[in-house]
């Protein structure tokens, strides 16, 4: 599967190999947007252990991510100082669902259930297997998420 960073450059296939990944569909104008701070903190605290947080902008829920890639990048930098990788805006559900989200949703953990809102989280282990899914209300510092990350990093 070919992925693109927010700036349109291709994500090298080896970019995330051997790392646990927390993939989050994000939006700049959502009630959960404040989770950016916790996601950045999580990335800062756990990247040396092998975790990478990956943001995936999506405009499918209440049109809460209407910006261009440049506007999204500027918002994330100025408001939250985001340094974790951000992918290009994607559809996470419906007829134009991205290949990435089709693979997450159709995994055994995804259960074929559509993403319900912004800031839903999928956790992949170091082998790239989806091992956990968390709803939008799950904060980045939630004990259940932290425990799942610990397990994913040990795999």
N, C-alpha and C. Protein backbone atom coordinates (compact mmCIF):
# COMPACT_ATOMS: atom_id res chain seq x y z
N UNK A 1 0.85 -1.16 0.00
CA UNK A 1 0.00 0.00 0.00
C UNK A 1 0.89 1.23 0.00
N UNK A 2 0.57 2.16 -0.85
CA UNK A 2 1.35 3.39 -0.98
C UNK A 2 0.71 4.49 -0.14
N UNK A 3 1.49 5.08 0.74
CA UNK A 3 1.02 6.16 1.60
C UNK A 3 1.74 7.45 1.24
N UNK A 4 1.05 8.57 1.45
CA UNK A 4 1.64 9.87 1.21
C UNK A 4 1.60 10.70 2.48
N UNK A 5 2.71 11.40 2.74
CA UNK A 5 2.72 12.37 3.83
C UNK A 5 1.84 13.55 3.47
N UNK A 6 1.52 14.38 4.44
CA UNK A 6 0.67 15.54 4.24
C UNK A 6 1.20 16.45 3.13
N UNK A 7 2.52 16.53 2.99
CA UNK A 7 3.10 17.40 1.96
C UNK A 7 3.11 16.76 0.57
N UNK A 8 2.56 15.55 0.45
CA UNK A 8 2.46 14.90 -0.85
C UNK A 8 3.62 13.98 -1.19
N UNK A 9 4.64 13.93 -0.35
CA UNK A 9 5.75 13.02 -0.61
C UNK A 9 5.39 11.61 -0.20
N UNK A 10 5.99 10.65 -0.87
CA UNK A 10 5.70 9.24 -0.61
C UNK A 10 6.35 8.80 0.69
N UNK A 11 5.61 8.07 1.49
CA UNK A 11 6.15 7.48 2.72
C UNK A 11 6.98 6.28 2.30
N UNK A 12 8.29 6.28 2.59
CA UNK A 12 9.10 5.11 2.25
C UNK A 12 8.56 3.87 2.96
N UNK A 13 8.53 2.74 2.25
CA UNK A 13 7.96 1.52 2.82
C UNK A 13 8.58 1.15 4.16
N UNK A 14 9.86 1.41 4.33
CA UNK A 14 10.54 1.03 5.58
C UNK A 14 10.34 2.05 6.70
N UNK A 15 9.65 3.15 6.42
CA UNK A 15 9.48 4.24 7.39
C UNK A 15 8.98 3.75 8.75
N UNK A 16 8.01 2.85 8.76
CA UNK A 16 7.39 2.43 10.01
C UNK A 16 7.66 0.97 10.35
N UNK A 17 8.47 0.29 9.56
CA UNK A 17 8.74 -1.12 9.81
C UNK A 17 9.42 -1.31 11.16
N UNK A 18 8.95 -2.34 11.88
CA UNK A 18 9.53 -2.65 13.18
C UNK A 18 9.11 -1.73 14.30
N UNK A 19 8.17 -0.84 14.01
CA UNK A 19 7.68 0.10 15.01
C UNK A 19 6.20 -0.17 15.28
N UNK A 20 5.79 0.01 16.52
CA UNK A 20 4.37 0.00 16.84
C UNK A 20 3.80 1.33 16.34
N UNK A 21 2.56 1.30 15.85
CA UNK A 21 1.96 2.50 15.28
C UNK A 21 0.60 2.77 15.89
N UNK A 22 0.36 4.01 16.25
CA UNK A 22 -0.96 4.45 16.69
C UNK A 22 -1.48 5.37 15.59
N UNK A 23 -2.46 4.88 14.85
CA UNK A 23 -3.01 5.61 13.72
C UNK A 23 -4.32 6.27 14.17
N UNK A 24 -4.40 7.59 13.97
CA UNK A 24 -5.51 8.38 14.49
C UNK A 24 -6.06 9.27 13.38
N UNK A 25 -7.37 9.16 13.10
CA UNK A 25 -7.97 10.11 12.15
C UNK A 25 -8.23 11.42 12.90
N UNK A 26 -7.65 12.49 12.41
CA UNK A 26 -7.63 13.76 13.12
C UNK A 26 -8.42 14.84 12.38
N UNK A 27 -8.79 15.89 13.12
CA UNK A 27 -9.49 17.04 12.55
C UNK A 27 -9.18 18.27 13.39
N UNK A 28 -9.10 19.40 12.73
CA UNK A 28 -8.69 20.65 13.39
C UNK A 28 -9.82 21.37 14.11
N UNK A 29 -11.07 21.06 13.79
CA UNK A 29 -12.21 21.80 14.35
C UNK A 29 -13.19 20.86 15.03
N UNK A 30 -12.70 20.02 15.90
CA UNK A 30 -13.50 18.98 16.54
C UNK A 30 -13.42 19.15 18.06
N UNK A 31 -14.41 18.66 18.74
CA UNK A 31 -14.36 18.69 20.20
C UNK A 31 -13.22 17.88 20.78
N UNK A 32 -12.69 16.95 20.00
CA UNK A 32 -11.57 16.12 20.45
C UNK A 32 -10.21 16.65 19.98
N UNK A 33 -10.18 17.78 19.29
CA UNK A 33 -8.93 18.30 18.73
C UNK A 33 -7.87 18.51 19.79
N UNK A 34 -8.27 18.81 21.01
CA UNK A 34 -7.32 18.98 22.11
C UNK A 34 -6.48 17.73 22.36
N UNK A 35 -6.92 16.58 21.85
CA UNK A 35 -6.13 15.35 22.00
C UNK A 35 -4.79 15.44 21.27
N UNK A 36 -4.66 16.39 20.35
CA UNK A 36 -3.36 16.58 19.69
C UNK A 36 -2.25 16.72 20.73
N UNK A 37 -2.51 17.46 21.80
CA UNK A 37 -1.48 17.66 22.84
C UNK A 37 -1.05 16.33 23.44
N UNK A 38 -2.01 15.50 23.81
CA UNK A 38 -1.69 14.20 24.39
C UNK A 38 -1.03 13.27 23.39
N UNK A 39 -1.45 13.34 22.13
CA UNK A 39 -0.82 12.50 21.11
C UNK A 39 0.64 12.90 20.91
N UNK A 40 0.91 14.21 20.92
CA UNK A 40 2.29 14.67 20.78
C UNK A 40 3.12 14.23 21.98
N UNK A 41 2.56 14.35 23.17
CA UNK A 41 3.26 13.92 24.39
C UNK A 41 3.55 12.41 24.32
N UNK A 42 2.57 11.65 23.88
CA UNK A 42 2.74 10.20 23.73
C UNK A 42 3.85 9.90 22.73
N UNK A 43 3.85 10.60 21.62
CA UNK A 43 4.90 10.42 20.62
C UNK A 43 6.27 10.77 21.20
N UNK A 44 6.35 11.88 21.92
CA UNK A 44 7.62 12.30 22.52
C UNK A 44 8.12 11.28 23.54
N UNK A 45 7.21 10.79 24.38
CA UNK A 45 7.61 9.89 25.47
C UNK A 45 7.88 8.46 25.01
N UNK A 46 7.27 8.03 23.93
CA UNK A 46 7.36 6.62 23.55
C UNK A 46 8.08 6.36 22.23
N UNK A 47 8.47 7.40 21.49
CA UNK A 47 9.11 7.15 20.19
C UNK A 47 10.44 6.42 20.35
N UNK A 48 11.20 6.72 21.40
CA UNK A 48 12.47 6.02 21.62
C UNK A 48 12.27 4.54 21.94
N UNK A 49 11.07 4.19 22.40
CA UNK A 49 10.75 2.80 22.70
C UNK A 49 10.24 2.05 21.47
N UNK A 50 9.97 2.79 20.38
CA UNK A 50 9.52 2.15 19.15
C UNK A 50 8.10 2.46 18.74
N UNK A 51 7.45 3.46 19.35
CA UNK A 51 6.10 3.83 18.96
C UNK A 51 6.15 5.05 18.05
N UNK A 52 5.31 5.04 17.04
CA UNK A 52 5.12 6.23 16.22
C UNK A 52 3.62 6.51 16.16
N UNK A 53 3.27 7.75 16.44
CA UNK A 53 1.90 8.23 16.28
C UNK A 53 1.79 8.74 14.86
N UNK A 54 0.70 8.39 14.19
CA UNK A 54 0.49 8.82 12.80
C UNK A 54 -0.88 9.48 12.71
N UNK A 55 -0.90 10.74 12.32
CA UNK A 55 -2.15 11.46 12.15
C UNK A 55 -2.65 11.34 10.72
N UNK A 56 -3.96 11.14 10.59
CA UNK A 56 -4.58 11.02 9.27
C UNK A 56 -5.77 11.99 9.22
N UNK A 57 -5.57 13.17 8.65
CA UNK A 57 -6.66 14.13 8.57
C UNK A 57 -7.85 13.55 7.78
N UNK A 58 -9.05 13.88 8.25
CA UNK A 58 -10.28 13.40 7.63
C UNK A 58 -11.35 14.47 7.78
N UNK A 59 -12.09 14.70 6.72
CA UNK A 59 -13.14 15.73 6.72
C UNK A 59 -14.54 15.12 6.65
N UNK A 60 -14.69 13.86 7.00
CA UNK A 60 -15.97 13.18 6.83
C UNK A 60 -16.94 13.35 8.01
N UNK A 61 -16.50 13.89 9.10
CA UNK A 61 -17.35 14.00 10.28
C UNK A 61 -17.60 15.47 10.59
N UNK A 62 -18.74 15.96 10.19
CA UNK A 62 -19.09 17.35 10.46
C UNK A 62 -18.24 18.36 9.72
N UNK A 63 -17.55 17.94 8.65
CA UNK A 63 -16.67 18.83 7.87
C UNK A 63 -15.72 19.58 8.80
N UNK A 64 -15.13 18.85 9.75
CA UNK A 64 -14.28 19.45 10.77
C UNK A 64 -12.80 19.50 10.40
N UNK A 65 -12.48 19.08 9.18
CA UNK A 65 -11.10 19.21 8.67
C UNK A 65 -11.16 19.70 7.23
N UNK A 66 -11.61 20.96 7.04
CA UNK A 66 -11.77 21.47 5.68
C UNK A 66 -10.49 21.97 5.04
N UNK A 67 -9.43 22.10 5.80
CA UNK A 67 -8.22 22.77 5.33
C UNK A 67 -7.46 22.05 4.24
N UNK A 68 -6.62 22.84 3.57
CA UNK A 68 -5.67 22.29 2.61
C UNK A 68 -4.53 21.64 3.40
N UNK A 69 -3.70 20.85 2.74
CA UNK A 69 -2.56 20.27 3.46
C UNK A 69 -1.70 21.34 4.15
N UNK A 70 -1.50 22.47 3.49
CA UNK A 70 -0.69 23.53 4.07
C UNK A 70 -1.37 24.12 5.30
N UNK A 71 -2.68 24.32 5.24
CA UNK A 71 -3.41 24.86 6.38
C UNK A 71 -3.40 23.89 7.56
N UNK A 72 -3.56 22.61 7.26
CA UNK A 72 -3.52 21.60 8.32
C UNK A 72 -2.15 21.59 8.99
N UNK A 73 -1.10 21.58 8.17
CA UNK A 73 0.27 21.57 8.71
C UNK A 73 0.54 22.81 9.55
N UNK A 74 0.09 23.95 9.08
CA UNK A 74 0.31 25.20 9.83
C UNK A 74 -0.45 25.17 11.16
N UNK A 75 -1.70 24.72 11.14
CA UNK A 75 -2.49 24.62 12.36
C UNK A 75 -1.80 23.71 13.37
N UNK A 76 -1.38 22.53 12.91
CA UNK A 76 -0.75 21.56 13.80
C UNK A 76 0.56 22.09 14.38
N UNK A 77 1.31 22.81 13.58
CA UNK A 77 2.58 23.35 14.05
C UNK A 77 2.37 24.51 15.02
N UNK A 78 1.56 25.46 14.63
CA UNK A 78 1.39 26.66 15.46
C UNK A 78 0.63 26.39 16.75
N UNK A 79 -0.41 25.59 16.69
CA UNK A 79 -1.27 25.38 17.86
C UNK A 79 -0.76 24.26 18.78
N UNK A 80 -0.18 23.20 18.19
CA UNK A 80 0.19 22.03 19.00
C UNK A 80 1.64 21.59 18.86
N UNK A 81 2.41 22.22 17.99
CA UNK A 81 3.82 21.85 17.79
C UNK A 81 3.96 20.35 17.45
N UNK A 82 3.11 19.88 16.55
CA UNK A 82 3.09 18.47 16.17
C UNK A 82 4.35 18.12 15.39
N UNK A 83 5.02 17.06 15.83
CA UNK A 83 6.20 16.56 15.11
C UNK A 83 5.99 15.13 14.62
N UNK A 84 4.90 14.48 15.04
CA UNK A 84 4.68 13.12 14.54
C UNK A 84 4.20 13.19 13.09
N UNK A 85 4.39 12.10 12.34
CA UNK A 85 4.02 12.12 10.92
C UNK A 85 2.53 12.33 10.71
N UNK A 86 2.23 13.12 9.71
CA UNK A 86 0.85 13.35 9.28
C UNK A 86 0.75 12.89 7.83
N UNK A 87 -0.26 12.09 7.55
CA UNK A 87 -0.51 11.62 6.19
C UNK A 87 -1.47 12.57 5.50
N UNK A 88 -1.62 12.37 4.19
CA UNK A 88 -2.58 13.16 3.45
C UNK A 88 -3.99 12.88 3.93
N UNK A 89 -4.87 13.86 3.73
CA UNK A 89 -6.27 13.73 4.11
C UNK A 89 -6.85 12.51 3.40
N UNK A 90 -7.64 11.73 4.15
CA UNK A 90 -8.22 10.50 3.61
C UNK A 90 -9.66 10.35 4.06
N UNK A 91 -10.41 9.58 3.28
CA UNK A 91 -11.73 9.14 3.71
C UNK A 91 -11.53 7.86 4.50
N UNK A 92 -12.13 7.80 5.67
CA UNK A 92 -11.95 6.64 6.55
C UNK A 92 -13.15 5.69 6.51
N UNK A 93 -14.18 6.10 5.75
CA UNK A 93 -15.36 5.25 5.61
C UNK A 93 -16.02 5.56 4.27
N UNK A 94 -16.97 4.70 3.89
CA UNK A 94 -17.75 4.96 2.68
C UNK A 94 -17.10 4.45 1.41
N UNK A 95 -17.71 4.83 0.29
CA UNK A 95 -17.31 4.33 -1.02
C UNK A 95 -15.88 4.71 -1.40
N UNK A 96 -15.40 5.85 -0.90
CA UNK A 96 -14.04 6.29 -1.24
C UNK A 96 -13.06 6.08 -0.09
N UNK A 97 -13.37 5.12 0.78
CA UNK A 97 -12.49 4.79 1.91
C UNK A 97 -11.08 4.48 1.40
N UNK A 98 -10.08 5.03 2.08
CA UNK A 98 -8.69 4.80 1.67
C UNK A 98 -8.30 3.34 1.89
N UNK A 99 -7.28 2.93 1.19
CA UNK A 99 -6.76 1.57 1.32
C UNK A 99 -6.27 1.32 2.75
N UNK A 100 -5.65 2.32 3.36
CA UNK A 100 -5.18 2.19 4.74
C UNK A 100 -6.35 1.89 5.66
N UNK A 101 -7.40 2.68 5.57
CA UNK A 101 -8.52 2.48 6.48
C UNK A 101 -9.32 1.22 6.16
N UNK A 102 -9.36 0.82 4.91
CA UNK A 102 -10.01 -0.45 4.57
C UNK A 102 -9.27 -1.59 5.27
N UNK A 103 -7.94 -1.52 5.30
CA UNK A 103 -7.17 -2.59 5.95
C UNK A 103 -7.37 -2.56 7.47
N UNK A 104 -7.47 -1.39 8.06
CA UNK A 104 -7.70 -1.29 9.50
C UNK A 104 -9.09 -1.79 9.87
N UNK A 105 -10.09 -1.32 9.15
CA UNK A 105 -11.48 -1.68 9.42
C UNK A 105 -11.72 -3.17 9.20
N UNK A 106 -11.13 -3.72 8.16
CA UNK A 106 -11.37 -5.12 7.82
C UNK A 106 -10.46 -6.10 8.53
N UNK A 107 -9.63 -5.61 9.43
CA UNK A 107 -8.80 -6.50 10.26
C UNK A 107 -9.71 -7.17 11.29
N UNK A 108 -9.26 -8.28 11.89
CA UNK A 108 -10.08 -8.90 12.93
C UNK A 108 -10.44 -7.93 14.06
N UNK A 109 -9.52 -7.06 14.45
CA UNK A 109 -9.79 -6.08 15.51
C UNK A 109 -10.76 -5.01 15.03
N UNK A 110 -10.62 -4.59 13.78
CA UNK A 110 -11.53 -3.59 13.22
C UNK A 110 -12.95 -4.11 13.10
N UNK A 111 -13.07 -5.41 12.89
CA UNK A 111 -14.38 -6.05 12.89
C UNK A 111 -15.35 -5.59 11.81
N UNK A 112 -14.84 -4.92 10.78
CA UNK A 112 -15.73 -4.44 9.73
C UNK A 112 -16.59 -3.27 10.13
N UNK A 113 -16.34 -2.71 11.31
CA UNK A 113 -17.14 -1.59 11.83
C UNK A 113 -16.53 -0.25 11.43
N UNK A 114 -17.33 0.58 10.77
CA UNK A 114 -16.85 1.89 10.33
C UNK A 114 -16.34 2.74 11.48
N UNK A 115 -15.42 3.62 11.17
CA UNK A 115 -14.99 4.65 12.10
C UNK A 115 -16.22 5.53 12.38
N UNK A 116 -16.43 5.85 13.65
CA UNK A 116 -17.62 6.59 14.05
C UNK A 116 -17.42 8.11 14.12
N UNK A 117 -16.18 8.55 14.40
CA UNK A 117 -15.94 9.99 14.57
C UNK A 117 -14.44 10.25 14.51
N UNK A 118 -14.08 11.53 14.55
CA UNK A 118 -12.68 11.95 14.57
C UNK A 118 -11.98 11.43 15.82
N UNK A 119 -10.69 11.21 15.71
CA UNK A 119 -9.80 10.81 16.79
C UNK A 119 -10.05 9.38 17.28
N UNK A 120 -10.58 8.53 16.40
CA UNK A 120 -10.61 7.10 16.70
C UNK A 120 -9.20 6.58 16.48
N UNK A 121 -8.80 5.59 17.26
CA UNK A 121 -7.41 5.14 17.28
C UNK A 121 -7.29 3.65 16.97
N UNK A 122 -6.34 3.32 16.10
CA UNK A 122 -5.99 1.93 15.80
C UNK A 122 -4.54 1.74 16.19
N UNK A 123 -4.26 0.69 16.93
CA UNK A 123 -2.90 0.39 17.37
C UNK A 123 -2.40 -0.84 16.62
N UNK A 124 -1.23 -0.71 16.02
CA UNK A 124 -0.58 -1.82 15.33
C UNK A 124 0.67 -2.20 16.09
N UNK A 125 0.97 -3.50 16.13
CA UNK A 125 2.19 -3.94 16.79
C UNK A 125 3.38 -3.76 15.85
N UNK A 126 4.54 -4.18 16.28
CA UNK A 126 5.77 -4.00 15.50
C UNK A 126 5.74 -4.78 14.19
N UNK A 127 4.88 -5.80 14.11
CA UNK A 127 4.76 -6.61 12.87
C UNK A 127 3.73 -6.03 11.92
N UNK A 128 3.06 -4.96 12.33
CA UNK A 128 2.06 -4.33 11.48
C UNK A 128 0.66 -4.91 11.62
N UNK A 129 0.45 -5.73 12.65
CA UNK A 129 -0.87 -6.30 12.89
C UNK A 129 -1.69 -5.36 13.77
N UNK A 130 -2.97 -5.18 13.40
CA UNK A 130 -3.86 -4.36 14.23
C UNK A 130 -4.15 -5.14 15.50
N UNK A 131 -3.80 -4.55 16.64
CA UNK A 131 -3.96 -5.26 17.92
C UNK A 131 -4.97 -4.61 18.86
N UNK A 132 -5.38 -3.38 18.58
CA UNK A 132 -6.35 -2.72 19.44
C UNK A 132 -7.00 -1.56 18.69
N UNK A 133 -8.19 -1.24 19.15
CA UNK A 133 -8.96 -0.13 18.58
C UNK A 133 -9.61 0.62 19.74
N UNK A 134 -9.56 1.95 19.67
CA UNK A 134 -10.10 2.78 20.74
C UNK A 134 -10.98 3.87 20.14
N UNK A 135 -12.08 4.17 20.83
CA UNK A 135 -12.99 5.19 20.32
C UNK A 135 -12.42 6.59 20.55
N UNK A 136 -13.12 7.55 20.01
CA UNK A 136 -12.67 8.95 20.05
C UNK A 136 -12.50 9.50 21.45
N UNK A 137 -13.33 9.04 22.37
CA UNK A 137 -13.28 9.56 23.74
C UNK A 137 -12.08 9.06 24.53
N UNK A 138 -11.39 8.06 24.01
CA UNK A 138 -10.21 7.53 24.71
C UNK A 138 -9.06 8.52 24.58
N UNK A 139 -8.68 9.08 25.70
CA UNK A 139 -7.58 10.06 25.71
C UNK A 139 -6.24 9.33 25.52
N UNK A 140 -5.24 10.01 24.95
CA UNK A 140 -3.94 9.38 24.74
C UNK A 140 -3.28 8.85 26.00
N UNK A 141 -3.61 9.40 27.16
CA UNK A 141 -3.01 8.92 28.41
C UNK A 141 -3.90 7.92 29.15
N UNK A 142 -4.97 7.46 28.52
CA UNK A 142 -5.87 6.49 29.16
C UNK A 142 -5.12 5.21 29.50
N UNK A 143 -5.32 4.66 30.70
CA UNK A 143 -4.61 3.44 31.10
C UNK A 143 -4.80 2.28 30.12
N UNK A 144 -5.99 2.10 29.59
CA UNK A 144 -6.22 0.98 28.65
C UNK A 144 -5.37 1.15 27.39
N UNK A 145 -5.26 2.37 26.89
CA UNK A 145 -4.44 2.63 25.71
C UNK A 145 -2.96 2.45 26.06
N UNK A 146 -2.55 2.95 27.20
CA UNK A 146 -1.15 2.80 27.61
C UNK A 146 -0.77 1.32 27.76
N UNK A 147 -1.65 0.53 28.35
CA UNK A 147 -1.39 -0.91 28.50
C UNK A 147 -1.28 -1.59 27.14
N UNK A 148 -2.17 -1.22 26.22
CA UNK A 148 -2.13 -1.82 24.88
C UNK A 148 -0.84 -1.43 24.16
N UNK A 149 -0.39 -0.20 24.33
CA UNK A 149 0.87 0.24 23.72
C UNK A 149 2.03 -0.57 24.30
N UNK A 150 2.04 -0.75 25.62
CA UNK A 150 3.09 -1.57 26.25
C UNK A 150 3.15 -2.94 25.60
N UNK A 151 1.98 -3.59 25.44
CA UNK A 151 1.94 -4.92 24.83
C UNK A 151 2.42 -4.89 23.38
N UNK A 152 1.99 -3.88 22.63
CA UNK A 152 2.40 -3.76 21.22
C UNK A 152 3.90 -3.56 21.08
N UNK A 153 4.48 -2.82 22.00
CA UNK A 153 5.93 -2.60 21.95
C UNK A 153 6.72 -3.85 22.31
N UNK A 154 6.13 -4.75 23.09
CA UNK A 154 6.81 -5.99 23.45
C UNK A 154 6.72 -7.05 22.35
N UNK A 155 5.81 -6.86 21.41
CA UNK A 155 5.60 -7.89 20.39
C UNK A 155 6.70 -7.92 19.35
